[in-house]
Amino acid sequence: MEFLLLLLFLLALTAGSALGITVDSRDSADWKPTEEGRRWRSRPC
């Protein structure tokens, strides 16, 4: 029974992804800004 619930959950995630109703929860807080594809580096004050 647990296997069927897991399978149903994974199928629901797959269907949501295919329909485009999922959301990326990453907030990009750890991503560094880029300028024309190059990583921006902060300079010390």
Protein backbone atom coordinates (compact mmCIF):
# COMPACT_ATOMS: atom_id res chain seq x y z
CA MET A 1 0.00 0.00 0.00
CA GLU A 2 2.83 2.41 0.82
CA PHE A 3 4.39 1.67 -2.54
CA LEU A 4 1.16 2.61 -4.30
CA LEU A 5 0.97 5.91 -2.41
CA LEU A 6 4.56 6.72 -3.31
CA LEU A 7 3.89 5.86 -6.93
CA LEU A 8 0.77 8.03 -6.97
CA PHE A 9 2.72 10.92 -5.46
CA LEU A 10 5.49 10.60 -8.05
CA LEU A 11 2.94 10.42 -10.85
CA ALA A 12 1.26 13.58 -9.54
CA LEU A 13 4.62 15.39 -9.51
CA THR A 14 5.37 14.20 -13.02
CA ALA A 15 1.97 15.34 -14.27
CA GLY A 16 2.36 18.72 -12.59
CA SER A 17 5.77 19.17 -14.13
CA ALA A 18 4.51 18.21 -17.58
CA LEU A 19 1.63 20.68 -17.30
CA GLY A 20 3.89 23.46 -16.06
CA ILE A 21 2.13 23.99 -12.73
CA THR A 22 5.17 23.35 -10.53
CA VAL A 23 7.20 26.20 -9.03
CA ASP A 24 10.94 26.52 -8.53
CA SER A 25 11.37 27.14 -4.80
CA ARG A 26 14.97 28.29 -5.03
CA ASP A 27 15.27 31.98 -4.23
CA SER A 28 18.73 32.35 -5.77
CA ALA A 29 20.09 33.83 -2.52
CA ASP A 30 23.33 31.91 -2.97
CA TRP A 31 23.71 32.65 -6.67
CA LYS A 32 26.26 35.28 -7.60
CA PRO A 33 25.25 37.96 -10.10
CA THR A 34 26.72 37.75 -13.59
CA GLU A 35 27.65 40.31 -16.20
CA GLU A 36 27.43 38.93 -19.73
CA GLY A 37 27.86 35.39 -18.40
CA ARG A 38 30.85 36.18 -16.20
CA ARG A 39 30.53 35.93 -12.42
CA TRP A 40 30.55 39.22 -10.60
CA ARG A 41 33.08 39.41 -7.78
CA SER A 42 32.73 41.84 -4.93
CA ARG A 43 35.76 43.91 -4.08
CA PRO A 44 36.84 44.60 -0.50
CA CYS A 45 36.20 48.13 0.73
